[in-house]
């Protein structure tokens, strides 16, 4: 019995004994850790983390190249941006607008008037008609005409300056600019391929002007693709001004392409009397500003009116289009909506 009484007392004290043992062990562990670290643990105050500063915006470096915009790249954004190209757009010898230009004698004090006939090369008989005009008339050939090189060579042999009439997309879907025309919806590579195809159709031309193009010439990126290629070939650009929203001036300046602008369409009404009236307006404009540029087409009435009118010129000299490139730029003409 006494032995059983001691056992009961011992079991009743067991929880207290275990709690005391755990406390002692805990104190020993804390003491060991403090002695091992050499110093009490410091309290760390959380610090707010600031986001990194925003990157500084890119600053466009000044262009130190003496030919400036000739090597300017296309916009990084844009549907028609061409792949970046290394080096300068180059051409051998003189640029085409000088190499294929014709010499002109201009009497002292005379104003200058350039007449450009578009849409040449689509009809053999009418092409022969315009080639028979005086040599100072500039002829702009369509790239999809027949026997182009032979007819271009004939025109140049007779003294005409020759241009490429580059087909471009009009605003109206009812107007057809023709095969391989430049459209704002083309993928970049197809755009480039079409520009090259059109410009490779014949040689011997000083530059190009737009056939139709009221929609395309208003497209900054598309015109950039055209002007990049024109700069490589040393071509000049005559803006036919079929829209008041043309980006031709800015694009040409960016790539160093010589630029001229049409003043008057002479045959929106294709009768001899109407053409003659427009030509007389052009003469007055040339006398007022010193220079003027008109555009016509190979209509029978246009050819007949020109043949009768050209011999009457006195204080105004009929000149090929490149003769105007070294003259001061006149005030811009009012764009006309008719596609040509």
C-alpha atoms as a PDB file:
ATOM      1  CA  UNK A   1       0.000   0.000   0.000  1.00  0.00           C
ATOM      2  CA  UNK A   2       2.681   2.558   0.896  1.00  0.00           C
ATOM      3  CA  UNK A   3       4.371   1.817  -2.422  1.00  0.00           C
ATOM      4  CA  UNK A   4       1.142   2.487  -4.340  1.00  0.00           C
ATOM      5  CA  UNK A   5       0.625   5.791  -2.494  1.00  0.00           C
ATOM      6  CA  UNK A   6       4.097   7.045  -3.560  1.00  0.00           C
ATOM      7  CA  UNK A   7       3.389   6.092  -7.231  1.00  0.00           C
ATOM      8  CA  UNK A   8       0.196   8.105  -7.288  1.00  0.00           C
ATOM      9  CA  UNK A   9       1.894  11.159  -5.850  1.00  0.00           C
ATOM     10  CA  UNK A  10       4.654  10.871  -8.412  1.00  0.00           C
ATOM     11  CA  UNK A  11       2.171  10.688 -11.413  1.00  0.00           C
ATOM     12  CA  UNK A  12       0.289  13.725 -10.191  1.00  0.00           C
ATOM     13  CA  UNK A  13       3.489  15.806 -10.146  1.00  0.00           C
ATOM     14  CA  UNK A  14       4.686  14.680 -13.624  1.00  0.00           C
ATOM     15  CA  UNK A  15       3.181  17.580 -15.702  1.00  0.00           C
ATOM     16  CA  UNK A  16       4.832  20.156 -13.477  1.00  0.00           C
ATOM     17  CA  UNK A  17       8.142  18.409 -13.686  1.00  0.00           C
ATOM     18  CA  UNK A  18       7.983  18.236 -17.520  1.00  0.00           C
ATOM     19  CA  UNK A  19       7.060  21.922 -17.814  1.00  0.00           C
ATOM     20  CA  UNK A  20       9.992  22.877 -15.627  1.00  0.00           C
ATOM     21  CA  UNK A  21      12.353  20.764 -17.710  1.00  0.00           C
ATOM     22  CA  UNK A  22      11.164  22.355 -20.963  1.00  0.00           C
ATOM     23  CA  UNK A  23      11.670  25.823 -19.500  1.00  0.00           C
ATOM     24  CA  UNK A  24      15.208  25.020 -18.408  1.00  0.00           C
ATOM     25  CA  UNK A  25      16.115  23.581 -21.830  1.00  0.00           C
ATOM     26  CA  UNK A  26      14.682  26.680 -23.576  1.00  0.00           C
ATOM     27  CA  UNK A  27      16.739  29.010 -21.431  1.00  0.00           C
ATOM     28  CA  UNK A  28      19.879  27.020 -22.154  1.00  0.00           C
ATOM     29  CA  UNK A  29      19.276  27.185 -25.907  1.00  0.00           C
ATOM     30  CA  UNK A  30      18.703  30.975 -25.828  1.00  0.00           C
ATOM     31  CA  UNK A  31      21.859  31.476 -23.789  1.00  0.00           C
ATOM     32  CA  UNK A  32      23.937  29.403 -26.226  1.00  0.00           C
ATOM     33  CA  UNK A  33      22.635  31.339 -29.241  1.00  0.00           C
ATOM     34  CA  UNK A  34      23.331  34.725 -27.618  1.00  0.00           C
ATOM     35  CA  UNK A  35      26.849  33.681 -26.663  1.00  0.00           C
ATOM     36  CA  UNK A  36      27.513  32.359 -30.156  1.00  0.00           C
ATOM     37  CA  UNK A  37      26.409  35.532 -31.976  1.00  0.00           C
ATOM     38  CA  UNK A  38      28.460  37.841 -29.839  1.00  0.00           C
ATOM     39  CA  UNK A  39      25.744  40.520 -29.819  1.00  0.00           C
ATOM     40  CA  UNK A  40      21.998  40.649 -29.426  1.00  0.00           C
ATOM     41  CA  UNK A  41      19.886  40.489 -32.614  1.00  0.00           C
ATOM     42  CA  UNK A  42      19.041  43.933 -33.961  1.00  0.00           C
ATOM     43  CA  UNK A  43      15.559  44.914 -34.968  1.00  0.00           C
ATOM     44  CA  UNK A  44      15.331  45.676 -38.724  1.00  0.00           C
ATOM     45  CA  UNK A  45      12.938  48.440 -39.742  1.00  0.00           C
ATOM     46  CA  UNK A  46      11.328  47.759 -43.147  1.00  0.00           C
ATOM     47  CA  UNK A  47      12.283  50.353 -45.845  1.00  0.00           C
ATOM     48  CA  UNK A  48       9.929  51.240 -48.713  1.00  0.00           C
ATOM     49  CA  UNK A  49      11.393  50.185 -52.075  1.00  0.00           C
ATOM     50  CA  UNK A  50      11.123  52.863 -54.777  1.00  0.00           C
ATOM     51  CA  UNK A  51      10.561  51.836 -58.378  1.00  0.00           C
ATOM     52  CA  UNK A  52      13.524  52.448 -60.710  1.00  0.00           C
ATOM     53  CA  UNK A  53      13.433  55.813 -62.525  1.00  0.00           C
ATOM     54  CA  UNK A  54      11.901  55.832 -65.989  1.00  0.00           C
ATOM     55  CA  UNK A  55      14.361  55.664 -68.846  1.00  0.00           C
ATOM     56  CA  UNK A  56      15.163  59.029 -70.390  1.00  0.00           C
ATOM     57  CA  UNK A  57      13.524  59.541 -73.781  1.00  0.00           C
ATOM     58  CA  UNK A  58      15.721  59.055 -76.836  1.00  0.00           C
ATOM     59  CA  UNK A  59      17.082  62.341 -78.094  1.00  0.00           C
ATOM     60  CA  UNK A  60      17.542  62.650 -81.825  1.00  0.00           C
ATOM     61  CA  UNK A  61      21.159  63.364 -82.575  1.00  0.00           C
ATOM     62  CA  UNK A  62      21.903  66.217 -84.952  1.00  0.00           C
ATOM     63  CA  UNK A  63      22.696  65.062 -88.452  1.00  0.00           C
ATOM     64  CA  UNK A  64      26.367  65.617 -89.082  1.00  0.00           C
ATOM     65  CA  UNK A  65      26.321  64.147 -92.586  1.00  0.00           C
ATOM     66  CA  UNK A  66      26.638  66.880 -95.240  1.00  0.00           C
ATOM     67  CA  UNK A  67      23.923  65.368 -97.424  1.00  0.00           C
ATOM     68  CA  UNK A  68      21.457  65.139 -94.551  1.00  0.00           C
ATOM     69  CA  UNK A  69      18.046  63.852 -95.458  1.00  0.00           C
ATOM     70  CA  UNK A  70      19.316  61.716 -98.329  1.00  0.00           C
ATOM     71  CA  UNK A  71      20.015  58.875 -95.883  1.00  0.00           C
ATOM     72  CA  UNK A  72      17.125  59.496 -93.494  1.00  0.00           C
ATOM     73  CA  UNK A  73      15.355  56.283 -92.563  1.00  0.00           C
ATOM     74  CA  UNK A  74      11.631  55.689 -92.826  1.00  0.00           C
ATOM     75  CA  UNK A  75       9.486  56.050 -89.694  1.00  0.00           C
ATOM     76  CA  UNK A  76       9.842  53.152 -87.265  1.00  0.00           C
ATOM     77  CA  UNK A  77       6.086  52.843 -87.203  1.00  0.00           C
ATOM     78  CA  UNK A  78       3.977  52.695 -90.307  1.00  0.00           C
ATOM     79  CA  UNK A  79       2.478  50.214 -92.630  1.00  0.00           C
ATOM     80  CA  UNK A  80       4.979  50.698 -95.411  1.00  0.00           C
ATOM     81  CA  UNK A  81       8.227  51.127 -93.511  1.00  0.00           C
ATOM     82  CA  UNK A  82      11.006  49.514 -95.547  1.00  0.00           C
ATOM     83  CA  UNK A  83      13.745  47.393 -93.959  1.00  0.00           C
ATOM     84  CA  UNK A  84      16.678  49.513 -92.781  1.00  0.00           C
ATOM     85  CA  UNK A  85      19.406  49.861 -95.351  1.00  0.00           C
ATOM     86  CA  UNK A  86      23.077  50.484 -94.709  1.00  0.00           C
ATOM     87  CA  UNK A  87      24.952  53.358 -96.284  1.00  0.00           C
ATOM     88  CA  UNK A  88      23.744  56.019 -98.656  1.00  0.00           C
ATOM     89  CA  UNK A  89      21.366  55.780-101.581  1.00  0.00           C
ATOM     90  CA  UNK A  90      23.906  55.952-104.380  1.00  0.00           C
ATOM     91  CA  UNK A  91      24.010  56.272-108.122  1.00  0.00           C
ATOM     92  CA  UNK A  92      26.911  56.268-110.529  1.00  0.00           C
ATOM     93  CA  UNK A  93      28.103  59.595-111.891  1.00  0.00           C
ATOM     94  CA  UNK A  94      25.563  62.374-112.185  1.00  0.00           C
ATOM     95  CA  UNK A  95      22.016  61.884-110.899  1.00  0.00           C
ATOM     96  CA  UNK A  96      19.528  60.864-113.565  1.00  0.00           C
ATOM     97  CA  UNK A  97      17.773  64.234-113.555  1.00  0.00           C
ATOM     98  CA  UNK A  98      21.033  65.832-114.718  1.00  0.00           C
ATOM     99  CA  UNK A  99      22.406  62.986-116.809  1.00  0.00           C
ATOM    100  CA  UNK A 100      19.312  62.748-119.035  1.00  0.00           C
ATOM    101  CA  UNK A 101      18.420  66.460-119.055  1.00  0.00           C
ATOM    102  CA  UNK A 102      18.404  68.411-122.312  1.00  0.00           C
ATOM    103  CA  UNK A 103      20.156  71.739-122.748  1.00  0.00           C
ATOM    104  CA  UNK A 104      18.019  74.847-123.133  1.00  0.00           C
ATOM    105  CA  UNK A 105      18.820  78.410-124.167  1.00  0.00           C
ATOM    106  CA  UNK A 106      16.754  80.982-122.254  1.00  0.00           C
ATOM    107  CA  UNK A 107      16.833  84.588-123.463  1.00  0.00           C
ATOM    108  CA  UNK A 108      17.722  87.119-120.799  1.00  0.00           C
ATOM    109  CA  UNK A 109      14.647  88.289-118.931  1.00  0.00           C
ATOM    110  CA  UNK A 110      12.314  85.610-120.271  1.00  0.00           C
ATOM    111  CA  UNK A 111      10.025  83.682-117.950  1.00  0.00           C
ATOM    112  CA  UNK A 112      10.048  79.891-118.182  1.00  0.00           C
ATOM    113  CA  UNK A 113       7.111  77.576-118.799  1.00  0.00           C
ATOM    114  CA  UNK A 114       7.281  73.768-118.727  1.00  0.00           C
ATOM    115  CA  UNK A 115       4.633  71.654-120.476  1.00  0.00           C
ATOM    116  CA  UNK A 116       4.421  68.002-119.436  1.00  0.00           C
ATOM    117  CA  UNK A 117       2.274  65.528-121.373  1.00  0.00           C
ATOM    118  CA  UNK A 118       1.174  62.546-119.241  1.00  0.00           C
ATOM    119  CA  UNK A 119      -0.160  59.100-120.190  1.00  0.00           C
ATOM    120  CA  UNK A 120       2.254  58.708-123.095  1.00  0.00           C
ATOM    121  CA  UNK A 121       2.838  55.225-124.479  1.00  0.00           C
ATOM    122  CA  UNK A 122      -0.625  53.666-124.248  1.00  0.00           C
ATOM    123  CA  UNK A 123      -1.711  54.411-127.805  1.00  0.00           C
ATOM    124  CA  UNK A 124       0.818  54.231-130.630  1.00  0.00           C
ATOM    125  CA  UNK A 125      -0.803  56.858-132.839  1.00  0.00           C
ATOM    126  CA  UNK A 126      -1.218  59.368-130.029  1.00  0.00           C
ATOM    127  CA  UNK A 127       2.284  58.665-128.788  1.00  0.00           C
ATOM    128  CA  UNK A 128       3.607  59.548-132.241  1.00  0.00           C
ATOM    129  CA  UNK A 129       1.510  62.729-132.156  1.00  0.00           C
ATOM    130  CA  UNK A 130       3.029  63.995-128.918  1.00  0.00           C
ATOM    131  CA  UNK A 131       6.539  62.977-129.932  1.00  0.00           C
ATOM    132  CA  UNK A 132       6.053  65.245-132.972  1.00  0.00           C
ATOM    133  CA  UNK A 133       5.571  68.260-130.676  1.00  0.00           C
ATOM    134  CA  UNK A 134       8.506  70.687-130.211  1.00  0.00           C
ATOM    135  CA  UNK A 135      11.384  69.164-128.294  1.00  0.00           C
ATOM    136  CA  UNK A 136      10.961  71.397-125.234  1.00  0.00           C
ATOM    137  CA  UNK A 137       7.720  69.572-124.361  1.00  0.00           C
ATOM    138  CA  UNK A 138       8.405  66.954-121.662  1.00  0.00           C
ATOM    139  CA  UNK A 139       6.814  63.522-122.150  1.00  0.00           C
ATOM    140  CA  UNK A 140       5.803  61.289-119.219  1.00  0.00           C
ATOM    141  CA  UNK A 141       5.449  57.624-120.194  1.00  0.00           C
ATOM    142  CA  UNK A 142       3.175  55.089-118.509  1.00  0.00           C
ATOM    143  CA  UNK A 143       5.138  52.058-117.257  1.00  0.00           C
ATOM    144  CA  UNK A 144       2.764  49.497-118.772  1.00  0.00           C
ATOM    145  CA  UNK A 145       2.803  50.756-122.357  1.00  0.00           C
ATOM    146  CA  UNK A 146       4.064  48.686-125.302  1.00  0.00           C
ATOM    147  CA  UNK A 147       7.540  48.969-126.846  1.00  0.00           C
ATOM    148  CA  UNK A 148       8.397  51.465-124.153  1.00  0.00           C
ATOM    149  CA  UNK A 149      12.157  51.615-124.520  1.00  0.00           C
ATOM    150  CA  UNK A 150      12.004  52.038-128.290  1.00  0.00           C
ATOM    151  CA  UNK A 151       9.515  54.896-128.007  1.00  0.00           C
ATOM    152  CA  UNK A 152      11.403  56.532-125.161  1.00  0.00           C
ATOM    153  CA  UNK A 153      14.600  56.351-127.216  1.00  0.00           C
ATOM    154  CA  UNK A 154      12.824  57.930-130.182  1.00  0.00           C
ATOM    155  CA  UNK A 155      11.491  60.770-128.033  1.00  0.00           C
ATOM    156  CA  UNK A 156      14.919  61.434-126.541  1.00  0.00           C
ATOM    157  CA  UNK A 157      16.564  61.324-129.966  1.00  0.00           C
ATOM    158  CA  UNK A 158      14.184  64.098-131.056  1.00  0.00           C
ATOM    159  CA  UNK A 159      15.207  66.168-128.024  1.00  0.00           C
ATOM    160  CA  UNK A 160      12.410  65.543-125.521  1.00  0.00           C
ATOM    161  CA  UNK A 161      13.028  65.074-121.848  1.00  0.00           C
ATOM    162  CA  UNK A 162      11.289  61.946-120.625  1.00  0.00           C
ATOM    163  CA  UNK A 163       9.649  61.083-117.322  1.00  0.00           C
ATOM    164  CA  UNK A 164       7.980  58.054-115.737  1.00  0.00           C
ATOM    165  CA  UNK A 165       4.253  58.483-115.046  1.00  0.00           C
ATOM    166  CA  UNK A 166       4.063  56.388-111.870  1.00  0.00           C
ATOM    167  CA  UNK A 167       0.575  54.923-111.207  1.00  0.00           C
ATOM    168  CA  UNK A 168      -0.738  55.491-107.691  1.00  0.00           C
ATOM    169  CA  UNK A 169      -3.979  54.798-105.860  1.00  0.00           C
ATOM    170  CA  UNK A 170      -6.782  57.385-106.230  1.00  0.00           C
ATOM    171  CA  UNK A 171      -9.375  58.183-103.588  1.00  0.00           C
ATOM    172  CA  UNK A 172     -12.215  56.819-105.713  1.00  0.00           C
ATOM    173  CA  UNK A 173     -12.489  53.063-106.149  1.00  0.00           C
ATOM    174  CA  UNK A 174     -14.140  53.752-109.498  1.00  0.00           C
ATOM    175  CA  UNK A 175     -10.832  54.999-110.934  1.00  0.00           C
ATOM    176  CA  UNK A 176      -8.351  52.333-112.059  1.00  0.00           C
ATOM    177  CA  UNK A 177      -4.693  53.411-111.930  1.00  0.00           C
ATOM    178  CA  UNK A 178      -3.640  50.289-113.829  1.00  0.00           C
ATOM    179  CA  UNK A 179      -1.508  47.196-113.153  1.00  0.00           C
ATOM    180  CA  UNK A 180       1.244  47.303-110.544  1.00  0.00           C
ATOM    181  CA  UNK A 181      -0.095  50.586-109.158  1.00  0.00           C
ATOM    182  CA  UNK A 182       1.079  51.692-105.723  1.00  0.00           C
ATOM    183  CA  UNK A 183      -1.626  51.149-103.100  1.00  0.00           C
ATOM    184  CA  UNK A 184      -1.705  52.181 -99.454  1.00  0.00           C
ATOM    185  CA  UNK A 185      -2.803  48.662 -98.434  1.00  0.00           C
ATOM    186  CA  UNK A 186       0.220  46.829 -99.850  1.00  0.00           C
ATOM    187  CA  UNK A 187       2.538  44.940 -97.480  1.00  0.00           C
ATOM    188  CA  UNK A 188       5.992  46.537 -97.205  1.00  0.00           C
ATOM    189  CA  UNK A 189       7.820  44.078 -99.471  1.00  0.00           C
ATOM    190  CA  UNK A 190       5.132  44.171-102.160  1.00  0.00           C
ATOM    191  CA  UNK A 191       5.230  47.965-102.010  1.00  0.00           C
ATOM    192  CA  UNK A 192       8.978  47.975-102.570  1.00  0.00           C
ATOM    193  CA  UNK A 193       8.720  45.391-105.347  1.00  0.00           C
ATOM    194  CA  UNK A 194       6.143  47.457-107.223  1.00  0.00           C
ATOM    195  CA  UNK A 195       8.176  50.632-106.944  1.00  0.00           C
ATOM    196  CA  UNK A 196      11.205  48.839-108.389  1.00  0.00           C
ATOM    197  CA  UNK A 197       9.143  47.140-111.116  1.00  0.00           C
ATOM    198  CA  UNK A 198       7.735  50.467-112.307  1.00  0.00           C
ATOM    199  CA  UNK A 199      11.060  52.274-112.181  1.00  0.00           C
ATOM    200  CA  UNK A 200      12.812  49.473-114.062  1.00  0.00           C
ATOM    201  CA  UNK A 201      10.450  49.504-117.039  1.00  0.00           C
ATOM    202  CA  UNK A 202      12.681  51.753-119.134  1.00  0.00           C
ATOM    203  CA  UNK A 203      15.743  53.970-118.825  1.00  0.00           C
ATOM    204  CA  UNK A 204      16.682  57.478-119.878  1.00  0.00           C
ATOM    205  CA  UNK A 205      14.144  59.395-117.792  1.00  0.00           C
ATOM    206  CA  UNK A 206      14.894  62.359-115.540  1.00  0.00           C
ATOM    207  CA  UNK A 207      12.243  61.718-112.912  1.00  0.00           C
ATOM    208  CA  UNK A 208       8.642  60.806-112.307  1.00  0.00           C
ATOM    209  CA  UNK A 209       5.239  62.257-111.553  1.00  0.00           C
ATOM    210  CA  UNK A 210       2.159  60.610-110.108  1.00  0.00           C
ATOM    211  CA  UNK A 211      -0.566  59.117-112.275  1.00  0.00           C
ATOM    212  CA  UNK A 212      -3.756  59.654-110.248  1.00  0.00           C
ATOM    213  CA  UNK A 213      -2.583  59.170-106.645  1.00  0.00           C
ATOM    214  CA  UNK A 214      -4.965  61.385-104.680  1.00  0.00           C
ATOM    215  CA  UNK A 215      -4.998  58.724-101.943  1.00  0.00           C
ATOM    216  CA  UNK A 216      -1.481  57.387-102.190  1.00  0.00           C
ATOM    217  CA  UNK A 217       0.353  60.716-102.302  1.00  0.00           C
ATOM    218  CA  UNK A 218      -1.394  61.633 -99.033  1.00  0.00           C
ATOM    219  CA  UNK A 219       0.167  58.579 -97.358  1.00  0.00           C
ATOM    220  CA  UNK A 220       3.396  59.549 -95.616  1.00  0.00           C
ATOM    221  CA  UNK A 221       4.867  56.069 -95.298  1.00  0.00           C
ATOM    222  CA  UNK A 222       4.051  55.046 -98.851  1.00  0.00           C
ATOM    223  CA  UNK A 223       5.616  58.198-100.274  1.00  0.00           C
ATOM    224  CA  UNK A 224       8.660  57.520 -98.133  1.00  0.00           C
ATOM    225  CA  UNK A 225       9.171  54.148 -99.834  1.00  0.00           C
ATOM    226  CA  UNK A 226       8.941  55.821-103.255  1.00  0.00           C
ATOM    227  CA  UNK A 227      11.317  58.649-102.379  1.00  0.00           C
ATOM    228  CA  UNK A 228      13.891  56.302-100.891  1.00  0.00           C
ATOM    229  CA  UNK A 229      14.109  54.460-104.210  1.00  0.00           C
ATOM    230  CA  UNK A 230      14.048  57.716-106.185  1.00  0.00           C
ATOM    231  CA  UNK A 231      17.001  59.008-104.158  1.00  0.00           C
ATOM    232  CA  UNK A 232      18.996  55.879-104.981  1.00  0.00           C
ATOM    233  CA  UNK A 233      18.395  56.463-108.690  1.00  0.00           C
ATOM    234  CA  UNK A 234      18.987  60.206-108.691  1.00  0.00           C
ATOM    235  CA  UNK A 235      15.465  61.033-109.906  1.00  0.00           C
ATOM    236  CA  UNK A 236      13.445  64.224-109.509  1.00  0.00           C
ATOM    237  CA  UNK A 237       9.752  64.307-108.619  1.00  0.00           C
ATOM    238  CA  UNK A 238       6.991  66.391-110.144  1.00  0.00           C
ATOM    239  CA  UNK A 239       3.967  66.385-107.861  1.00  0.00           C
ATOM    240  CA  UNK A 240       0.875  66.369-110.081  1.00  0.00           C
ATOM    241  CA  UNK A 241      -1.056  67.744-107.090  1.00  0.00           C
ATOM    242  CA  UNK A 242      -4.202  65.647-107.390  1.00  0.00           C
ATOM    243  CA  UNK A 243      -4.912  66.267-103.695  1.00  0.00           C
ATOM    244  CA  UNK A 244      -4.291  69.189-101.335  1.00  0.00           C
ATOM    245  CA  UNK A 245      -3.076  66.633 -98.774  1.00  0.00           C
ATOM    246  CA  UNK A 246      -0.039  65.414-100.711  1.00  0.00           C
ATOM    247  CA  UNK A 247       2.967  64.392 -98.614  1.00  0.00           C
ATOM    248  CA  UNK A 248       5.206  64.706-101.659  1.00  0.00           C
ATOM    249  CA  UNK A 249       6.985  67.846-100.481  1.00  0.00           C
ATOM    250  CA  UNK A 250       7.928  66.464 -97.070  1.00  0.00           C
ATOM    251  CA  UNK A 251       8.934  63.047 -98.422  1.00  0.00           C
ATOM    252  CA  UNK A 252      11.061  64.518-101.209  1.00  0.00           C
ATOM    253  CA  UNK A 253      12.814  66.867 -98.793  1.00  0.00           C
ATOM    254  CA  UNK A 254      13.493  64.039 -96.386  1.00  0.00           C
ATOM    255  CA  UNK A 255      15.319  61.946 -98.976  1.00  0.00           C
ATOM    256  CA  UNK A 256      16.940  64.765-100.914  1.00  0.00           C
ATOM    257  CA  UNK A 257      14.826  64.285-104.048  1.00  0.00           C
ATOM    258  CA  UNK A 258      14.525  67.424-106.236  1.00  0.00           C
ATOM    259  CA  UNK A 259      10.885  68.545-106.298  1.00  0.00           C
ATOM    260  CA  UNK A 260       8.606  70.488-108.619  1.00  0.00           C
ATOM    261  CA  UNK A 261       4.841  71.019-108.465  1.00  0.00           C
ATOM    262  CA  UNK A 262       2.199  71.262-111.139  1.00  0.00           C
ATOM    263  CA  UNK A 263       0.451  74.605-111.456  1.00  0.00           C
ATOM    264  CA  UNK A 264      -2.314  74.059-114.028  1.00  0.00           C
ATOM    265  CA  UNK A 265      -4.009  71.149-115.801  1.00  0.00           C
ATOM    266  CA  UNK A 266      -4.590  72.366-119.327  1.00  0.00           C
ATOM    267  CA  UNK A 267      -7.115  69.827-120.630  1.00  0.00           C
ATOM    268  CA  UNK A 268      -9.613  68.912-117.952  1.00  0.00           C
ATOM    269  CA  UNK A 269     -11.957  70.134-120.673  1.00  0.00           C
ATOM    270  CA  UNK A 270     -10.523  68.522-123.804  1.00  0.00           C
ATOM    271  CA  UNK A 271     -11.399  71.069-126.496  1.00  0.00           C
ATOM    272  CA  UNK A 272      -8.930  73.243-128.364  1.00  0.00           C
ATOM    273  CA  UNK A 273     -10.560  76.429-127.094  1.00  0.00           C
ATOM    274  CA  UNK A 274     -10.508  75.280-123.467  1.00  0.00           C
ATOM    275  CA  UNK A 275      -6.893  74.121-123.722  1.00  0.00           C
ATOM    276  CA  UNK A 276      -5.872  77.423-125.271  1.00  0.00           C
ATOM    277  CA  UNK A 277      -7.546  79.315-122.431  1.00  0.00           C
ATOM    278  CA  UNK A 278      -5.585  77.296-119.868  1.00  0.00           C
ATOM    279  CA  UNK A 279      -2.339  77.842-121.752  1.00  0.00           C
ATOM    280  CA  UNK A 280      -2.932  81.584-121.772  1.00  0.00           C
ATOM    281  CA  UNK A 281      -3.445  81.430-117.991  1.00  0.00           C
ATOM    282  CA  UNK A 282      -0.155  79.579-117.701  1.00  0.00           C
ATOM    283  CA  UNK A 283       1.654  82.295-119.638  1.00  0.00           C
ATOM    284  CA  UNK A 284       0.298  84.974-117.326  1.00  0.00           C
ATOM    285  CA  UNK A 285       1.343  82.929-114.296  1.00  0.00           C
ATOM    286  CA  UNK A 286       4.855  82.468-115.707  1.00  0.00           C
ATOM    287  CA  UNK A 287       5.168  86.203-116.359  1.00  0.00           C
ATOM    288  CA  UNK A 288       4.052  86.939-112.813  1.00  0.00           C
ATOM    289  CA  UNK A 289       6.284  84.435-111.009  1.00  0.00           C
ATOM    290  CA  UNK A 290       9.023  83.756-113.524  1.00  0.00           C
ATOM    291  CA  UNK A 291       8.152  80.053-113.826  1.00  0.00           C
ATOM    292  CA  UNK A 292       5.105  77.833-114.316  1.00  0.00           C
ATOM    293  CA  UNK A 293       4.419  74.144-114.925  1.00  0.00           C
ATOM    294  CA  UNK A 294       1.381  72.726-116.705  1.00  0.00           C
ATOM    295  CA  UNK A 295       0.263  69.163-117.350  1.00  0.00           C
ATOM    296  CA  UNK A 296      -1.759  67.876-120.279  1.00  0.00           C
ATOM    297  CA  UNK A 297      -2.579  64.589-121.979  1.00  0.00           C
ATOM    298  CA  UNK A 298      -2.270  63.135-125.467  1.00  0.00           C
ATOM    299  CA  UNK A 299      -5.738  64.212-126.564  1.00  0.00           C
ATOM    300  CA  UNK A 300      -6.045  65.332-130.173  1.00  0.00           C
ATOM    301  CA  UNK A 301      -7.372  68.681-128.998  1.00  0.00           C
ATOM    302  CA  UNK A 302      -4.413  69.160-126.654  1.00  0.00           C
ATOM    303  CA  UNK A 303      -1.849  68.357-129.342  1.00  0.00           C
ATOM    304  CA  UNK A 304      -3.574  70.648-131.860  1.00  0.00           C
ATOM    305  CA  UNK A 305      -3.805  73.512-129.366  1.00  0.00           C
ATOM    306  CA  UNK A 306      -0.136  73.192-128.426  1.00  0.00           C
ATOM    307  CA  UNK A 307       1.015  73.156-132.043  1.00  0.00           C
ATOM    308  CA  UNK A 308      -0.894  76.395-132.708  1.00  0.00           C
ATOM    309  CA  UNK A 309       0.044  78.086-129.422  1.00  0.00           C
ATOM    310  CA  UNK A 310       3.776  77.343-129.033  1.00  0.00           C
ATOM    311  CA  UNK A 311       4.891  79.502-132.010  1.00  0.00           C
ATOM    312  CA  UNK A 312       3.104  82.505-130.481  1.00  0.00           C
ATOM    313  CA  UNK A 313       5.251  82.592-127.329  1.00  0.00           C
ATOM    314  CA  UNK A 314       7.405  85.702-127.071  1.00  0.00           C
ATOM    315  CA  UNK A 315       8.647  86.738-123.634  1.00  0.00           C
ATOM    316  CA  UNK A 316       8.068  83.272-122.168  1.00  0.00           C
ATOM    317  CA  UNK A 317      10.365  80.377-123.068  1.00  0.00           C
ATOM    318  CA  UNK A 318       9.096  76.813-123.294  1.00  0.00           C
ATOM    319  CA  UNK A 319      11.564  74.658-121.353  1.00  0.00           C
ATOM    320  CA  UNK A 320      12.007  71.020-120.377  1.00  0.00           C
ATOM    321  CA  UNK A 321      11.016  70.307-116.808  1.00  0.00           C
ATOM    322  CA  UNK A 322      14.546  70.025-115.372  1.00  0.00           C
ATOM    323  CA  UNK A 323      15.307  73.612-116.389  1.00  0.00           C
ATOM    324  CA  UNK A 324      13.114  74.726-113.491  1.00  0.00           C
ATOM    325  CA  UNK A 325      15.000  72.902-110.775  1.00  0.00           C
ATOM    326  CA  UNK A 326      17.572  75.609-110.216  1.00  0.00           C
ATOM    327  CA  UNK A 327      14.980  78.375-110.055  1.00  0.00           C
ATOM    328  CA  UNK A 328      13.499  79.725-106.788  1.00  0.00           C
ATOM    329  CA  UNK A 329      10.444  77.724-105.764  1.00  0.00           C
ATOM    330  CA  UNK A 330       7.200  79.569-106.604  1.00  0.00           C
ATOM    331  CA  UNK A 331       4.172  79.734-104.338  1.00  0.00           C
ATOM    332  CA  UNK A 332       2.248  76.420-104.198  1.00  0.00           C
ATOM    333  CA  UNK A 333      -0.519  75.869-106.690  1.00  0.00           C
ATOM    334  CA  UNK A 334      -4.072  75.022-105.747  1.00  0.00           C
ATOM    335  CA  UNK A 335      -4.602  71.264-105.985  1.00  0.00           C
ATOM    336  CA  UNK A 336      -7.278  69.988-108.323  1.00  0.00           C
ATOM    337  CA  UNK A 337      -9.346  66.952-107.521  1.00  0.00           C
ATOM    338  CA  UNK A 338      -9.385  65.515-111.048  1.00  0.00           C
ATOM    339  CA  UNK A 339      -7.188  62.439-111.278  1.00  0.00           C
ATOM    340  CA  UNK A 340      -4.570  62.523-114.023  1.00  0.00           C
END
